[in-house]
Structure formats: structure tokens, C-alpha cells
Amino acid sequence: MRVLITGGGPTGLTLAIDLARRGVEVRVVDKADGFFRGSRADTIQPRTLEVFDDLGVVDAVLAAGSLPPAYRVHLDGHTVEERRMAELRAPRPDQPYPNPWTLGQAQLEKILRSRLADFGTRVESAMELTGLEQDEHAVTAYFGTGEIERFDYLVGADGGSSTVRKAIGAAFHGTTDETFRLVIGDVYAPDLDPTIGHWFAAATSPMTGVVMTPLPGTDMFQLNTPIGMDDDASLTTMQTVLDGFSAGVHLSGCHWSTVWRPNVRLAERFRVGRVFLAGDAAHVHPPTGGQGMNTSVQDAYNLGWKLAAETKLDSYETERRAVAATALKTSDDLLRLYAAGRAEAHKRGEEHLGLHISYRPQSATGALAPGDRAPDALVRDSTGKQIRLFDLFRGPHATRLVFGASAPDADHSYAVLRPGDDPTDFGRYVIDIDGNAFAAYSAYTASADGHVLIRPDGHLAY
């Protein structure tokens, strides 16, 4: 099988890694003549960290990034308090990555490109897809170089202005608000403490101002603030806004910047024949809530195993379009609160973490909690060695757990002992989920026969 992925951002890279580790021949092209160099999406949510664990990059991501910082609040140039957008959570056996992680998008993409290179695949820059045709057997791709090539499948991960989406005629429903604009930029601010974030505002309107978040591994901050209709994304604009709050902060340079307008859209189709859409090509989000990149990565993770096995391909659109619609509403609601200067816009709840995603059919009963993601747990194998359920799930396979009975004699099938079970009653098994913690995993036994099948993407199979 051969798959073409257009777009070398987090979505395309995640999908390429997932396919490559399954032995699929994959080609990744990007029309840009160089790699993205800014921070843009700088929040990695806990569920995405679990995806990166499975793909073998979580250690590099954690080493390069940091926990979300606290923010020092400055009103009319005076420091008044320090606060967090959300309280930090302690790791638990079922949630090894309980908090969002801060890392600039360019740095994340570099880590993902390195992992993809482990499989002998690299992103081809300055390679633009100019058109496509498909029949029942394959997709023909036309490139700006004049090259014409056939692939079994094509995935458009080529952003909000997706060439692929336009080529398959999928409408992109939604709205663009021309009355509200933000500038987002990676700036140098030598006057500021780089160990903490900073919020600058007027005392008369404390919820509307400039947020500056330190970017791990750099000496820069990501600056984010509303601007006027005639303002641009220049360093001068950002400095002028700061000066308006008597911040007393000098910006010495700008590495990257952009003007963003509320553009909230959802494709009517995520699949037409052998062509699929993922990431911003299928849905574009406000930056509020940190959902855009995370939803996109999870698109790729959902599609990868299905595409490699050529199974359940219709379920990709069904499952992921519903999740994207929910994430879009959440992000849009937060943006409206932010634009109105409401304090609620600066608070984060668990709904942003990605752990409540569910692909459960409406008719199904019983569920894992939260969502239908299979939580991690510490267990011991038949030799007494302590391992994690995530260690059993990791890789391109599905995993079967059997509670209270012997597991089938098959790869990736395990009996799990509950408190009070006798190990001598079982053959091939993983033993002993700790009795004190077992309530956290009791939903695993929702099925009548005690058999639970975990999909390759870590969700419960129905």
C-alpha cells in the first residue's frame, strides 16, 4: 500500500509516523519551501501526550517543553498577583500525563520529523499538489513539478486553505469574523522574567490585554493580544499595545508573527472515496482552549490504524467529525468570553484535556470513564515484574484484556486478575491491578463476558 500525505505539520507527521510503523509506504509533501519556524499552537493536551507516548516521542516532547506557567498579572504597570489558568494535577496510575504541556509548534514538528526519519521517511518541501483524480482503485496526484503519481489513498493535512478539500468538493461551513483580530508573535523581551508568564492590562478592564507566555528551550515569549482593524503583525504594533498598558517592557525583536481572525469552520465531509481530510483541512479553531492542534493530531491517530488495515474507513468521518464539532463549539464559546473581557475565558476545566473523547455508539451501554479511552494502570506480569497497561497497548495492534477468566492463546491477549482472584486459575496472564486502585478501572469489566478489546488508538472497541 502507498499513501500520500499533503502537509508536513503535526497532523501529517503524526499520521506518517503511525503508518510507517505499520509498514505502510508513505510519502509526505509540503508546498512550503521550508519548515515552519514559529510557536503558533504551543499547548499539548494530556490525551495528545498519550498519543505521543504510543508513537515513541513523549520523552523528547517532555524534555523539550515544560508545564504551563503561572502568570504574573500587571495592571496599569503594577504587579498585583500571580495565578494559573488551571490548577496543576498530580499524575495518577490511570492518567500518567495529567497536565497540558507547553512547547512551540516548530519544536514539536522537529521532534516528529526526527521520529519519522527513524522509518526512513522525510518531508519533501517545495512539493505542491496541484490536482488529483481518483477511481475505485487508486488516486492520481499531480504535482507542481510536473510529476504524476498513483497512490492507494491520499490524505489532505494541508491546512485551512486545503487544496485537497477543494479538489474533492467538500464544503467548509462556518464563519469568519472580520471585526475581531489578534496578533500572535514570538518576541524577545529581555526585561521580563522568563520563568513565568505575564499578563498586562488596564485596571479598568483587567480581562482584556496582552498575554506573554515563555517558550521553553528559547529566550522568547509568545505574545497574544487583540489589535485594531488597521494594525498589522509588526513589532511596532505589539510594542504600541504593550506601551498602552504602561507595561514598561521593551521588545527587542520578533522571530515570527501573524494576524489571526476568528475563522471557525467544519468540513461537511472528511472523506470522499480514497481521499481523506485531517486537521485544519477539516476544521479550523480559535486559539482559545488549546484544541486545534490537539484535535488534529487525534484525527491522524484515529485514521492511521484504519487506513493501514483498510478497515472501518467510514467510521473515521463519523467519529472524528463529531469530536471536531464539539471542540469547535468549546473554543468558539471561550473566544466570545475572551472578546467580551469575561474572567471565565481564562479558566480551564477538564473538558480541554482530551480525556473525555468518546467514540461510543448511542446504543452502547457501559463505558470507560472518562470518555471511552482506555486508562493506564500499573500491573504485574506473570513473573511479578511491574509494567503499565500502556506498555501492553503500545504499538500498531489491538489488545484484549480478559477479567476473571483465562485469556485466549493469542498475541496481545491477557488475563487480568482482580482482587481475590487466584493466579493458579489462569494460564497466560497479567496479574494484579492493585485492589485499592481497582475502582478507577472497574469500567473495564462492563462487558458481560469480561472481555474488553482495546483498539490500536487506545479506545474501547464496540
Protein backbone atom coordinates (compact mmCIF):
# COMPACT_ATOMS: atom_id res chain seq x y z
CA MET A 1 0.00 0.00 0.00
CA ARG A 2 1.12 3.56 -0.77
CA VAL A 3 -0.31 6.66 0.92
CA LEU A 4 0.30 10.30 0.02
CA ILE A 5 0.02 12.88 2.81
CA THR A 6 -0.07 16.53 1.81
CA GLY A 7 1.05 18.77 4.66
CA GLY A 8 4.10 18.36 6.90
CA GLY A 9 2.66 19.85 10.10
CA PRO A 10 1.74 17.98 13.30
CA THR A 11 -1.24 16.26 11.64
CA GLY A 12 0.61 14.95 8.61
CA LEU A 13 3.67 13.96 10.65
CA THR A 14 1.61 12.05 13.23
CA LEU A 15 -0.22 10.14 10.51
CA ALA A 16 3.01 9.43 8.63
CA ILE A 17 4.68 8.02 11.77
CA ASP A 18 1.67 5.86 12.56
CA LEU A 19 1.51 4.47 9.01
CA ALA A 20 5.26 3.99 8.68
CA ARG A 21 5.49 1.94 11.88
CA ARG A 22 2.80 -0.32 10.43
CA GLY A 23 4.91 -0.97 7.33
CA VAL A 24 2.92 1.29 5.00
CA GLU A 25 4.87 3.13 2.30
CA VAL A 26 4.12 6.78 2.90
CA ARG A 27 5.11 9.96 1.10
CA VAL A 28 4.78 13.36 2.82
CA VAL A 29 4.85 16.53 0.73
CA ASP A 30 4.50 20.19 1.69
CA LYS A 31 4.23 23.14 -0.67
CA ALA A 32 6.26 25.43 1.65
CA ASP A 33 9.92 25.73 0.74
CA GLY A 34 11.00 25.47 4.39
CA PHE A 35 9.79 24.21 7.73
CA PHE A 36 7.51 26.32 9.93
CA ARG A 37 9.56 28.42 12.37
CA GLY A 38 7.04 29.85 14.88
CA SER A 39 5.31 28.70 18.06
CA ARG A 40 1.66 29.03 16.90
CA ALA A 41 -0.01 26.07 18.69
CA ASP A 42 2.03 25.80 21.87
CA THR A 43 -0.24 23.68 24.12
CA ILE A 44 -0.16 19.88 24.04
CA GLN A 45 -3.07 18.36 25.93
CA PRO A 46 -2.84 15.19 28.09
CA ARG A 47 -4.57 12.90 25.58
CA THR A 48 -2.15 14.05 22.88
CA LEU A 49 0.74 13.25 25.21
CA GLU A 50 -0.67 9.73 25.47
CA VAL A 51 -0.71 9.54 21.66
CA PHE A 52 2.92 10.66 21.62
CA ASP A 53 3.73 8.00 24.22
CA ASP A 54 2.42 5.36 21.85
CA LEU A 55 4.34 6.84 18.90
CA GLY A 56 7.62 6.89 20.82
CA VAL A 57 8.16 10.65 21.11
CA VAL A 58 6.74 11.59 24.50
CA ASP A 59 10.11 11.59 26.27
CA ALA A 60 11.54 14.03 23.74
CA VAL A 61 8.43 16.22 23.97
CA LEU A 62 8.56 16.32 27.77
CA ALA A 63 12.29 17.06 27.75
CA ALA A 64 11.90 19.95 25.31
CA GLY A 65 8.83 21.56 26.90
CA SER A 66 7.51 22.49 30.32
CA LEU A 67 4.37 22.66 32.41
CA PRO A 68 2.12 25.63 31.65
CA PRO A 69 3.49 28.59 33.59
CA ALA A 70 1.83 30.67 36.23
CA TYR A 71 1.09 34.23 35.07
CA ARG A 72 2.13 37.43 36.78
CA VAL A 73 -0.69 39.95 36.42
CA HIS A 74 0.31 43.58 35.79
CA LEU A 75 -2.44 46.24 35.86
CA ASP A 76 -1.51 49.78 34.77
CA GLY A 77 2.13 48.79 35.15
CA HIS A 78 1.77 47.45 38.72
CA THR A 79 2.12 43.78 39.65
CA VAL A 80 -0.98 42.68 41.53
CA GLU A 81 -0.94 38.88 41.71
CA GLU A 82 0.19 35.56 40.25
CA ARG A 83 -2.28 32.94 39.08
CA ARG A 84 -2.71 29.86 36.91
CA MET A 85 -5.31 29.23 34.24
CA ALA A 86 -5.81 25.77 35.76
CA GLU A 87 -4.57 24.03 38.86
CA LEU A 88 -1.81 21.51 38.26
CA ARG A 89 -2.84 17.89 38.74
CA ALA A 90 -0.68 15.14 40.21
CA PRO A 91 -0.05 12.09 38.00
CA ARG A 92 -2.23 9.08 38.73
CA PRO A 93 -1.86 5.46 37.64
CA ASP A 94 -4.70 5.92 35.13
CA GLN A 95 -3.50 9.38 33.99
CA PRO A 96 0.30 9.47 33.69
CA TYR A 97 0.20 12.85 31.89
CA PRO A 98 -2.45 14.83 33.78
CA ASN A 99 -1.48 18.35 32.73
CA PRO A 100 -1.13 20.20 29.42
CA TRP A 101 2.42 20.69 28.22
CA THR A 102 3.89 23.85 26.70
CA LEU A 103 6.07 23.50 23.60
CA GLY A 104 6.25 25.63 20.46
CA GLN A 105 4.85 24.04 17.31
CA ALA A 106 8.12 24.38 15.39
CA GLN A 107 9.96 22.47 18.11
CA LEU A 108 7.29 19.77 18.18
CA GLU A 109 7.43 19.36 14.42
CA LYS A 110 11.21 18.93 14.60
CA ILE A 111 10.77 16.08 17.10
CA LEU A 112 8.13 14.43 14.92
CA ARG A 113 10.28 14.76 11.78
CA SER A 114 13.14 13.08 13.62
CA ARG A 115 10.89 10.19 14.62
CA LEU A 116 9.60 9.84 11.06
CA ALA A 117 13.19 9.72 9.82
CA ASP A 118 13.68 6.62 12.03
CA PHE A 119 11.44 4.85 9.50
CA GLY A 120 13.38 6.19 6.52
CA THR A 121 10.83 8.84 5.53
CA ARG A 122 11.32 12.61 5.25
CA VAL A 123 9.06 15.53 4.43
CA GLU A 124 9.52 16.77 0.85
CA SER A 125 9.44 20.59 0.93
CA ALA A 126 8.55 22.80 -2.05
CA MET A 127 6.44 19.96 -3.44
CA GLU A 128 2.97 21.29 -4.19
CA LEU A 129 -0.02 19.14 -5.01
CA THR A 130 -1.81 20.90 -7.87
CA GLY A 131 -4.59 18.45 -8.55
CA LEU A 132 -5.94 14.96 -8.07
CA GLU A 133 -8.20 12.40 -9.68
CA GLN A 134 -9.46 9.13 -8.27
CA ASP A 135 -11.14 5.96 -9.38
CA GLU A 136 -12.21 2.86 -7.48
CA HIS A 137 -8.64 1.54 -7.35
CA ALA A 138 -6.32 4.50 -6.66
CA VAL A 139 -5.75 8.26 -6.53
CA THR A 140 -3.70 10.06 -9.16
CA ALA A 141 -1.77 13.03 -7.77
CA TYR A 142 -0.45 15.89 -9.90
CA PHE A 143 2.45 17.95 -8.60
CA GLY A 144 3.76 21.40 -9.49
CA THR A 145 6.98 19.80 -10.70
CA GLY A 146 5.05 18.03 -13.46
CA GLU A 147 5.28 14.68 -11.69
CA ILE A 148 2.21 12.43 -11.81
CA GLU A 149 1.95 9.52 -9.40
CA ARG A 150 -0.62 6.96 -8.26
CA PHE A 151 -1.39 6.15 -4.61
CA ASP A 152 -3.80 3.82 -2.88
CA TYR A 153 -5.00 6.65 -0.65
CA LEU A 154 -4.43 10.39 -0.24
CA VAL A 155 -4.81 12.39 2.98
CA GLY A 156 -5.13 16.17 2.91
CA ALA A 157 -3.47 17.58 6.02
CA ASP A 158 -2.73 20.79 4.15
CA GLY A 159 -4.36 23.40 6.38
CA GLY A 160 -7.37 25.67 6.29
CA SER A 161 -6.91 26.62 2.63
CA SER A 162 -6.60 22.93 1.72
CA THR A 163 -6.06 22.14 -1.95
CA VAL A 164 -7.29 18.61 -1.27
CA ARG A 165 -10.55 19.75 0.31
CA LYS A 166 -11.29 21.99 -2.65
CA ALA A 167 -10.39 19.23 -5.11
CA ILE A 168 -12.92 16.80 -3.63
CA GLY A 169 -15.60 19.48 -3.38
CA ALA A 170 -16.16 19.32 0.38
CA ALA A 171 -17.88 22.48 1.60
CA PHE A 172 -16.23 24.27 4.53
CA HIS A 173 -19.13 25.54 6.59
CA GLY A 174 -18.66 28.21 9.22
CA THR A 175 -17.99 31.88 9.75
CA THR A 176 -15.15 34.39 9.63
CA ASP A 177 -15.47 37.39 11.96
CA GLU A 178 -13.80 40.40 10.39
CA THR A 179 -14.46 42.61 13.43
CA PHE A 180 -12.08 40.89 15.88
CA ARG A 181 -8.36 40.44 15.27
CA LEU A 182 -5.47 39.08 17.31
CA VAL A 183 -1.74 39.35 16.77
CA ILE A 184 0.27 36.31 17.80
CA GLY A 185 4.05 36.62 17.77
CA ASP A 186 7.25 35.11 19.12
CA VAL A 187 9.13 38.05 20.62
CA TYR A 188 12.27 38.83 22.57
CA ALA A 189 11.63 40.70 25.83
CA PRO A 190 14.87 40.91 27.84
CA ASP A 191 13.19 42.97 30.60
CA LEU A 192 10.82 40.15 31.60
CA ASP A 193 11.35 37.24 33.99
CA PRO A 194 11.45 34.22 31.62
CA THR A 195 10.46 31.71 34.32
CA ILE A 196 6.86 32.91 34.42
CA GLY A 197 4.14 34.16 32.09
CA HIS A 198 2.96 37.77 32.13
CA TRP A 199 -0.44 39.41 31.73
CA PHE A 200 -0.64 43.15 31.05
CA ALA A 201 -3.94 45.03 31.19
CA ALA A 202 -5.66 48.17 32.42
CA ALA A 203 -7.14 48.19 35.92
CA THR A 204 -10.45 49.32 34.44
CA SER A 205 -10.58 46.30 32.09
CA PRO A 206 -8.37 43.60 33.66
CA MET A 207 -9.58 40.75 31.45
CA THR A 208 -8.54 42.32 28.13
CA GLY A 209 -4.85 42.80 27.48
CA VAL A 210 -1.57 41.22 26.44
CA VAL A 211 -0.57 37.71 27.44
CA MET A 212 3.09 36.69 27.13
CA THR A 213 3.97 33.04 27.60
CA PRO A 214 7.61 31.90 27.84
CA LEU A 215 8.55 29.41 25.14
CA PRO A 216 10.59 26.50 26.56
CA GLY A 217 14.00 25.96 25.04
CA THR A 218 14.15 29.51 23.67
CA ASP A 219 14.70 33.02 25.02
CA MET A 220 11.37 34.17 23.58
CA PHE A 221 7.79 34.72 24.67
CA GLN A 222 4.66 34.06 22.66
CA LEU A 223 2.72 37.34 22.68
CA ASN A 224 -1.02 37.31 22.10
CA THR A 225 -3.29 40.36 22.12
CA PRO A 226 -6.29 41.92 20.34
CA ILE A 227 -5.44 44.65 17.83
CA GLY A 228 -7.30 47.25 15.78
CA MET A 229 -8.68 46.76 12.30
CA ASP A 230 -5.83 48.73 10.70
CA ASP A 231 -2.99 47.20 12.72
CA ASP A 232 -0.54 44.67 11.33
CA ALA A 233 1.57 41.94 12.94
CA SER A 234 4.70 44.08 13.19
CA LEU A 235 6.94 44.51 16.21
CA THR A 236 5.86 48.16 16.26
CA THR A 237 2.20 47.16 16.68
CA MET A 238 2.99 44.80 19.55
CA GLN A 239 5.20 47.37 21.29
CA THR A 240 2.50 50.04 20.95
CA VAL A 241 -0.14 47.79 22.53
CA LEU A 242 2.18 47.00 25.44
CA ASP A 243 3.01 50.66 25.96
CA GLY A 244 -0.71 51.39 26.18
CA PHE A 245 -0.81 49.37 29.40
CA SER A 246 2.22 51.19 30.93
CA ALA A 247 3.96 47.84 30.85
CA GLY A 248 7.48 49.28 30.75
CA VAL A 249 8.55 46.31 28.63
CA HIS A 250 10.89 46.67 25.67
CA LEU A 251 10.53 44.17 22.83
CA SER A 252 13.95 43.78 21.23
CA GLY A 253 12.93 41.62 18.28
CA CYS A 254 10.32 39.40 16.66
CA HIS A 255 11.04 35.88 15.38
CA TRP A 256 7.60 35.17 13.87
CA SER A 257 4.15 36.78 13.94
CA THR A 258 0.73 36.61 12.34
CA VAL A 259 -2.66 38.30 12.46
CA TRP A 260 -5.50 35.93 13.34
CA ARG A 261 -9.22 36.45 12.79
CA PRO A 262 -11.98 34.23 14.22
CA ASN A 263 -12.39 31.63 11.50
CA VAL A 264 -14.50 28.74 12.77
CA ARG A 265 -15.21 26.15 10.11
CA LEU A 266 -16.02 22.46 9.73
CA ALA A 267 -15.87 20.44 6.52
CA GLU A 268 -19.13 18.76 5.54
CA ARG A 269 -17.18 15.62 4.59
CA PHE A 270 -13.96 14.15 5.96
CA ARG A 271 -13.81 11.51 3.23
CA VAL A 272 -14.65 11.22 -0.45
CA GLY A 273 -13.70 7.83 -1.88
CA ARG A 274 -10.00 7.23 -1.35
CA VAL A 275 -9.29 10.80 -0.23
CA PHE A 276 -9.45 11.91 3.41
CA LEU A 277 -9.19 15.24 5.24
CA ALA A 278 -7.48 15.70 8.60
CA GLY A 279 -6.51 18.57 10.85
CA ASP A 280 -7.09 22.16 9.74
CA ALA A 281 -8.10 20.93 6.29
CA ALA A 282 -11.20 19.52 8.00
CA HIS A 283 -11.74 22.00 10.85
CA VAL A 284 -10.24 25.33 11.92
CA HIS A 285 -10.41 26.55 15.52
CA PRO A 286 -9.89 29.70 17.54
CA PRO A 287 -6.69 29.53 19.63
CA THR A 288 -8.75 29.68 22.83
CA GLY A 289 -8.80 26.40 24.74
CA GLY A 290 -5.77 24.92 23.00
CA GLN A 291 -7.86 22.50 20.94
CA GLY A 292 -6.90 22.97 17.29
CA MET A 293 -3.59 21.12 17.01
CA ASN A 294 -4.65 18.51 19.56
CA THR A 295 -7.85 17.70 17.71
CA SER A 296 -5.80 17.47 14.52
CA VAL A 297 -3.23 15.07 15.96
CA GLN A 298 -6.04 12.85 17.20
CA ASP A 299 -7.59 12.87 13.71
CA ALA A 300 -4.38 11.35 12.44
CA TYR A 301 -4.23 8.83 15.27
CA ASN A 302 -7.79 7.71 14.59
CA LEU A 303 -7.18 7.37 10.85
CA GLY A 304 -3.78 5.68 10.89
CA TRP A 305 -4.70 2.21 12.06
CA LYS A 306 -7.86 2.13 9.96
CA LEU A 307 -6.04 3.17 6.81
CA ALA A 308 -3.19 0.70 7.32
CA ALA A 309 -5.62 -2.19 7.78
CA GLU A 310 -8.13 -0.82 5.24
CA THR A 311 -10.84 -1.38 7.80
CA LYS A 312 -13.63 0.75 9.31
CA LEU A 313 -12.72 3.63 6.99
CA ASP A 314 -16.26 5.01 7.04
CA SER A 315 -16.05 5.32 10.82
CA TYR A 316 -13.26 7.91 10.54
CA GLU A 317 -15.64 10.66 9.44
CA THR A 318 -18.39 9.55 11.82
CA GLU A 319 -16.11 9.56 14.86
CA ARG A 320 -13.83 12.49 14.19
CA ARG A 321 -16.32 14.96 12.74
CA ALA A 322 -18.42 14.71 15.91
CA VAL A 323 -15.36 15.31 18.09
CA ALA A 324 -14.25 18.26 15.96
CA ALA A 325 -17.70 19.83 16.14
CA THR A 326 -17.65 19.65 19.94
CA ALA A 327 -14.14 21.09 20.15
CA LEU A 328 -15.08 23.92 17.79
CA LYS A 329 -18.05 24.91 19.94
CA THR A 330 -15.93 24.86 23.09
CA SER A 331 -13.21 27.00 21.52
CA ASP A 332 -15.70 29.42 19.98
CA ASP A 333 -17.57 29.86 23.27
CA LEU A 334 -14.28 30.65 25.04
CA LEU A 335 -13.33 33.15 22.33
CA ARG A 336 -16.60 35.01 22.78
CA LEU A 337 -15.96 35.21 26.52
CA TYR A 338 -12.41 36.43 25.85
CA ALA A 339 -13.61 39.11 23.41
CA ALA A 340 -16.16 40.28 25.99
CA GLY A 341 -13.48 40.54 28.69
CA ARG A 342 -15.07 37.82 30.83
CA ALA A 343 -12.98 36.14 33.54
CA GLU A 344 -14.34 32.71 32.58
CA ALA A 345 -12.29 32.88 29.37
CA HIS A 346 -9.10 32.47 31.42
CA LYS A 347 -10.17 29.36 33.29
CA ARG A 348 -9.63 25.82 32.09
CA GLY A 349 -11.60 22.72 33.02
CA GLU A 350 -11.05 19.05 32.31
CA GLU A 351 -13.06 19.20 29.09
CA HIS A 352 -9.96 20.64 27.37
CA LEU A 353 -7.67 17.75 28.27
CA GLY A 354 -8.88 15.35 25.57
CA LEU A 355 -9.54 12.56 28.07
CA HIS A 356 -13.33 12.72 27.67
CA ILE A 357 -13.35 11.86 23.96
CA SER A 358 -15.74 9.02 23.26
CA TYR A 359 -16.48 7.01 20.12
CA ARG A 360 -19.26 5.12 21.86
CA PRO A 361 -22.33 4.44 19.69
CA GLN A 362 -25.51 5.88 21.11
CA SER A 363 -26.95 2.41 21.63
CA ALA A 364 -23.98 1.05 23.58
CA THR A 365 -24.21 0.58 27.33
CA GLY A 366 -21.34 0.66 29.76
CA ALA A 367 -18.30 2.85 29.27
CA LEU A 368 -14.85 3.64 30.36
CA ALA A 369 -14.57 6.85 32.30
CA PRO A 370 -13.63 9.47 31.37
CA GLY A 371 -14.78 9.04 27.78
CA ASP A 372 -14.07 5.61 26.35
CA ARG A 373 -10.30 5.98 26.31
CA ALA A 374 -8.63 3.00 27.95
CA PRO A 375 -6.86 4.37 31.05
CA ASP A 376 -3.38 3.35 32.07
CA ALA A 377 -2.73 1.25 35.18
CA LEU A 378 0.21 -0.30 36.95
CA VAL A 379 0.07 -4.11 36.80
CA ARG A 380 2.44 -7.02 37.32
CA ASP A 381 3.05 -9.69 34.73
CA SER A 382 3.32 -13.43 35.36
CA THR A 383 6.92 -13.03 36.54
CA GLY A 384 5.99 -10.37 39.07
CA LYS A 385 7.56 -7.53 37.06
CA GLN A 386 5.67 -4.25 37.27
CA ILE A 387 4.55 -2.82 33.92
CA ARG A 388 1.87 -0.44 32.62
CA LEU A 389 -1.22 -1.18 30.62
CA PHE A 390 0.06 1.45 28.19
CA ASP A 391 3.09 -0.83 27.69
CA LEU A 392 0.70 -3.55 26.56
CA PHE A 393 -1.28 -1.20 24.31
CA ARG A 394 1.78 0.46 22.72
CA GLY A 395 2.22 -0.36 19.07
CA PRO A 396 0.08 -0.92 16.00
CA HIS A 397 -2.01 -3.77 17.43
CA ALA A 398 -5.30 -4.12 19.26
CA THR A 399 -5.18 -5.53 22.82
CA ARG A 400 -7.62 -7.87 24.54
CA LEU A 401 -7.99 -7.83 28.33
CA VAL A 402 -9.95 -10.63 29.99
CA PHE A 403 -11.15 -10.17 33.55
CA GLY A 404 -11.92 -13.21 35.69
CA ALA A 405 -11.05 -15.88 33.10
CA SER A 406 -8.15 -17.21 31.08
CA ALA A 407 -7.18 -15.18 28.03
CA PRO A 408 -7.16 -16.68 24.52
CA ASP A 409 -3.81 -18.10 23.49
CA ALA A 410 -3.11 -15.24 21.09
CA ASP A 411 -0.73 -12.32 20.83
CA HIS A 412 -1.74 -9.24 22.81
CA SER A 413 -4.39 -11.09 24.83
CA TYR A 414 -4.04 -11.00 28.61
CA ALA A 415 -5.96 -12.23 31.63
CA VAL A 416 -6.16 -9.62 34.37
CA LEU A 417 -6.57 -10.68 37.97
CA ARG A 418 -8.97 -8.74 40.11
CA PRO A 419 -8.61 -8.55 43.89
CA GLY A 420 -9.23 -12.02 45.30
CA ASP A 421 -8.55 -13.92 42.05
CA ASP A 422 -6.28 -16.96 42.36
CA PRO A 423 -3.33 -16.86 39.91
CA THR A 424 -3.37 -20.65 39.64
CA ASP A 425 -6.75 -20.42 37.86
CA PHE A 426 -5.19 -18.69 34.89
CA GLY A 427 -2.78 -19.60 32.16
CA ARG A 428 -1.29 -16.71 30.25
CA TYR A 429 -1.94 -13.60 32.26
CA VAL A 430 -1.00 -10.20 33.54
CA ILE A 431 -1.62 -10.17 37.27
CA ASP A 432 -2.87 -7.86 39.96
CA ILE A 433 -4.28 -4.45 39.38
CA ASP A 434 -3.87 -3.07 42.88
CA GLY A 435 -7.04 -3.59 44.92
CA ASN A 436 -7.04 -0.09 46.38
CA ALA A 437 -7.00 1.44 42.92
CA PHE A 438 -9.24 -1.05 41.18
CA ALA A 439 -12.34 1.15 41.40
CA ALA A 440 -10.67 3.51 38.90
CA TYR A 441 -10.63 0.70 36.34
CA SER A 442 -13.84 -1.14 37.18
CA ALA A 443 -15.46 0.10 33.96
CA TYR A 444 -13.18 -2.31 32.10
CA THR A 445 -15.49 -5.10 33.27
CA ALA A 446 -18.62 -3.53 31.78
CA SER A 447 -18.94 -6.27 29.14
CA ALA A 448 -20.92 -9.30 30.19
CA ASP A 449 -18.17 -11.83 29.43
CA GLY A 450 -15.33 -9.80 30.93
CA HIS A 451 -13.63 -9.42 27.53
CA VAL A 452 -12.54 -5.89 26.65
CA LEU A 453 -10.95 -5.13 23.28
CA ILE A 454 -8.80 -2.01 23.14
CA ARG A 455 -8.41 -0.54 19.67
CA PRO A 456 -4.95 0.37 18.34
CA ASP A 457 -5.74 4.03 19.14
CA GLY A 458 -6.41 3.25 22.79
CA HIS A 459 -10.20 3.47 22.73
CA LEU A 460 -12.72 0.80 23.63
CA ALA A 461 -13.92 -1.26 20.66
CA TYR A 462 -17.69 -1.77 20.42
